[in-house]
Structures are given as structure tokens and as C-alpha cells.
Amino acid sequence: MSLKLEAIKSYRIPLDAPIDLIDSYFEVKRKALKSIFSHVKFNGKAHLDFKNDDRKKLDVKIIRE
């Protein structure tokens, strides 16, 4: 098996947004990922284990926390 290597470059992008808006964005993102990862089940393969009600409530739960 041959592995392909690649370089990933990163760049700084100046933001003209208020710091509290950026902090709020990252907080919502953190809550969303935490909630989603709490539903990951692993049985040979990783998959999301959501019931229909869980899927409908997910967006509301993240916003209200």
C-alpha cells in the first residue's frame, strides 16, 4: 500500500468582527459538536445513533444551552 503525502498550508485571515461575536460562534460550535459526538456509537463502524425525536430537538437544544 502506498501512502500519498501532501502539505497543508495555513494562512491568517484578518477578521473585522466583534470579539464577542466570534466567541459566541465558537461556543455554539463546541456545543453542537459535543451533542453530536454524544450520539456516536461504534460497532465495527462509527455511526450516529439518533432517534427521530432526537434529530428534531437537536437544533433547539444547542441554541438554548
N, C-alpha and C. Protein backbone atom coordinates (compact mmCIF):
# COMPACT_ATOMS: atom_id res chain seq x y z
N MET A 1 0.85 -1.18 0.00
CA MET A 1 0.00 0.00 0.00
C MET A 1 0.90 1.24 0.00
N SER A 2 0.60 2.16 -0.85
CA SER A 2 1.38 3.39 -0.98
C SER A 2 0.62 4.55 -0.34
N LEU A 3 1.31 5.31 0.48
CA LEU A 3 0.70 6.46 1.12
C LEU A 3 1.05 7.71 0.34
N LYS A 4 0.06 8.54 0.10
CA LYS A 4 0.30 9.81 -0.59
C LYS A 4 0.42 10.91 0.46
N LEU A 5 1.51 11.62 0.44
CA LEU A 5 1.73 12.70 1.39
C LEU A 5 1.43 14.02 0.72
N GLU A 6 0.87 14.93 1.47
CA GLU A 6 0.60 16.26 0.94
C GLU A 6 0.82 17.29 2.03
N ALA A 7 1.19 18.46 1.62
CA ALA A 7 1.42 19.56 2.55
C ALA A 7 0.17 20.41 2.64
N ILE A 8 -0.15 20.81 3.85
CA ILE A 8 -1.30 21.68 4.07
C ILE A 8 -0.77 23.01 4.59
N LYS A 9 -1.11 24.06 3.90
CA LYS A 9 -0.66 25.39 4.30
C LYS A 9 -1.79 26.11 5.01
N SER A 10 -1.44 26.97 5.93
CA SER A 10 -2.46 27.77 6.60
C SER A 10 -2.11 29.24 6.46
N TYR A 11 -3.13 30.06 6.47
CA TYR A 11 -2.96 31.49 6.30
C TYR A 11 -3.76 32.22 7.37
N ARG A 12 -3.29 33.34 7.81
CA ARG A 12 -4.04 34.19 8.74
C ARG A 12 -4.98 35.06 7.92
N ILE A 13 -6.21 35.11 8.37
CA ILE A 13 -7.21 35.96 7.71
C ILE A 13 -7.69 36.97 8.74
N PRO A 14 -7.49 38.25 8.47
CA PRO A 14 -7.93 39.24 9.45
C PRO A 14 -9.47 39.29 9.53
N LEU A 15 -9.99 39.38 10.75
CA LEU A 15 -11.43 39.46 10.97
C LEU A 15 -11.77 40.84 11.52
N ASP A 16 -12.83 41.39 10.97
CA ASP A 16 -13.29 42.68 11.45
C ASP A 16 -14.59 42.52 12.25
N ALA A 17 -14.77 41.36 12.86
CA ALA A 17 -15.98 41.09 13.63
C ALA A 17 -15.69 41.35 15.11
N PRO A 18 -16.71 41.72 15.87
CA PRO A 18 -16.51 41.91 17.31
C PRO A 18 -16.08 40.60 17.98
N ILE A 19 -15.21 40.71 18.94
CA ILE A 19 -14.67 39.53 19.63
C ILE A 19 -15.78 38.71 20.28
N ASP A 20 -16.81 39.35 20.85
CA ASP A 20 -17.88 38.60 21.49
C ASP A 20 -18.69 37.78 20.48
N LEU A 21 -18.80 38.26 19.25
CA LEU A 21 -19.48 37.50 18.21
C LEU A 21 -18.67 36.26 17.85
N ILE A 22 -17.38 36.41 17.74
CA ILE A 22 -16.51 35.27 17.43
C ILE A 22 -16.54 34.26 18.57
N ASP A 23 -16.48 34.73 19.81
CA ASP A 23 -16.56 33.84 20.97
C ASP A 23 -17.89 33.08 21.00
N SER A 24 -18.97 33.77 20.70
CA SER A 24 -20.29 33.12 20.67
C SER A 24 -20.37 32.06 19.60
N TYR A 25 -19.79 32.35 18.44
CA TYR A 25 -19.77 31.37 17.34
C TYR A 25 -19.06 30.10 17.78
N PHE A 26 -17.88 30.23 18.38
CA PHE A 26 -17.13 29.05 18.80
C PHE A 26 -17.82 28.31 19.93
N GLU A 27 -18.54 29.00 20.79
CA GLU A 27 -19.29 28.35 21.86
C GLU A 27 -20.44 27.51 21.29
N VAL A 28 -21.17 28.04 20.33
CA VAL A 28 -22.26 27.28 19.70
C VAL A 28 -21.69 26.09 18.95
N LYS A 29 -20.58 26.29 18.27
CA LYS A 29 -19.94 25.20 17.54
C LYS A 29 -19.50 24.10 18.50
N ARG A 30 -18.91 24.46 19.65
CA ARG A 30 -18.48 23.49 20.64
C ARG A 30 -19.67 22.68 21.18
N LYS A 31 -20.77 23.37 21.47
CA LYS A 31 -21.97 22.69 21.98
C LYS A 31 -22.54 21.73 20.94
N ALA A 32 -22.56 22.15 19.69
CA ALA A 32 -23.09 21.29 18.62
C ALA A 32 -22.25 20.03 18.49
N LEU A 33 -20.94 20.17 18.46
CA LEU A 33 -20.07 19.00 18.34
C LEU A 33 -20.18 18.08 19.54
N LYS A 34 -20.27 18.65 20.74
CA LYS A 34 -20.41 17.84 21.95
C LYS A 34 -21.70 17.03 21.90
N SER A 35 -22.79 17.66 21.48
CA SER A 35 -24.07 16.97 21.41
C SER A 35 -24.06 15.87 20.34
N ILE A 36 -23.47 16.16 19.21
CA ILE A 36 -23.42 15.17 18.13
C ILE A 36 -22.53 13.99 18.52
N PHE A 37 -21.33 14.28 19.07
CA PHE A 37 -20.43 13.20 19.44
C PHE A 37 -20.98 12.34 20.57
N SER A 38 -21.89 12.86 21.36
CA SER A 38 -22.50 12.04 22.41
C SER A 38 -23.41 10.97 21.83
N HIS A 39 -23.78 11.10 20.55
CA HIS A 39 -24.63 10.11 19.88
C HIS A 39 -23.86 9.17 18.98
N VAL A 40 -22.54 9.25 18.96
CA VAL A 40 -21.75 8.36 18.11
C VAL A 40 -21.63 7.00 18.80
N LYS A 41 -21.97 5.97 18.07
CA LYS A 41 -21.84 4.59 18.55
C LYS A 41 -20.85 3.87 17.65
N PHE A 42 -20.08 2.96 18.22
CA PHE A 42 -19.08 2.24 17.46
C PHE A 42 -19.31 0.75 17.60
N ASN A 43 -19.68 0.11 16.49
CA ASN A 43 -19.84 -1.34 16.42
C ASN A 43 -19.11 -1.81 15.17
N GLY A 44 -17.80 -1.72 15.18
CA GLY A 44 -17.04 -2.04 13.98
C GLY A 44 -16.93 -0.84 13.07
N LYS A 45 -17.97 -0.04 13.00
CA LYS A 45 -18.00 1.21 12.24
C LYS A 45 -18.62 2.27 13.14
N ALA A 46 -18.17 3.48 12.97
CA ALA A 46 -18.77 4.58 13.73
C ALA A 46 -20.02 5.06 13.01
N HIS A 47 -21.09 5.24 13.74
CA HIS A 47 -22.32 5.78 13.15
C HIS A 47 -23.07 6.60 14.21
N LEU A 48 -23.90 7.51 13.72
CA LEU A 48 -24.70 8.33 14.61
C LEU A 48 -25.96 7.57 14.99
N ASP A 49 -26.25 7.52 16.26
CA ASP A 49 -27.42 6.81 16.76
C ASP A 49 -28.44 7.83 17.25
N PHE A 50 -29.22 8.36 16.31
CA PHE A 50 -30.25 9.35 16.61
C PHE A 50 -31.63 8.74 16.39
N LYS A 51 -32.52 9.00 17.32
CA LYS A 51 -33.93 8.67 17.10
C LYS A 51 -34.56 9.88 16.44
N ASN A 52 -35.73 9.71 15.85
CA ASN A 52 -36.39 10.82 15.15
C ASN A 52 -36.59 12.04 16.04
N ASP A 53 -37.02 11.82 17.28
CA ASP A 53 -37.22 12.95 18.20
C ASP A 53 -35.91 13.65 18.51
N ASP A 54 -34.83 12.87 18.64
CA ASP A 54 -33.51 13.47 18.91
C ASP A 54 -33.09 14.39 17.78
N ARG A 55 -33.33 13.96 16.56
CA ARG A 55 -32.96 14.78 15.40
C ARG A 55 -33.72 16.10 15.38
N LYS A 56 -35.00 16.05 15.72
CA LYS A 56 -35.83 17.26 15.69
C LYS A 56 -35.45 18.23 16.81
N LYS A 57 -35.03 17.69 17.97
CA LYS A 57 -34.73 18.52 19.12
C LYS A 57 -33.29 19.04 19.13
N LEU A 58 -32.43 18.50 18.29
CA LEU A 58 -31.02 18.82 18.36
C LEU A 58 -30.74 20.30 18.18
N ASP A 59 -31.31 20.93 17.17
CA ASP A 59 -31.02 22.35 16.92
C ASP A 59 -31.55 23.23 18.05
N VAL A 60 -32.71 22.93 18.58
CA VAL A 60 -33.29 23.72 19.66
C VAL A 60 -32.45 23.57 20.93
N LYS A 61 -32.00 22.36 21.22
CA LYS A 61 -31.22 22.11 22.42
C LYS A 61 -29.91 22.88 22.40
N ILE A 62 -29.25 22.90 21.28
CA ILE A 62 -27.95 23.58 21.18
C ILE A 62 -28.12 25.08 21.37
N ILE A 63 -29.13 25.66 20.81
CA ILE A 63 -29.34 27.11 20.89
C ILE A 63 -29.70 27.52 22.32
N ARG A 64 -30.50 26.72 23.02
CA ARG A 64 -30.98 27.10 24.36
C ARG A 64 -29.94 26.89 25.45
N GLU A 65 -28.95 26.02 25.25
CA GLU A 65 -27.98 25.74 26.31
C GLU A 65 -27.07 26.90 26.55
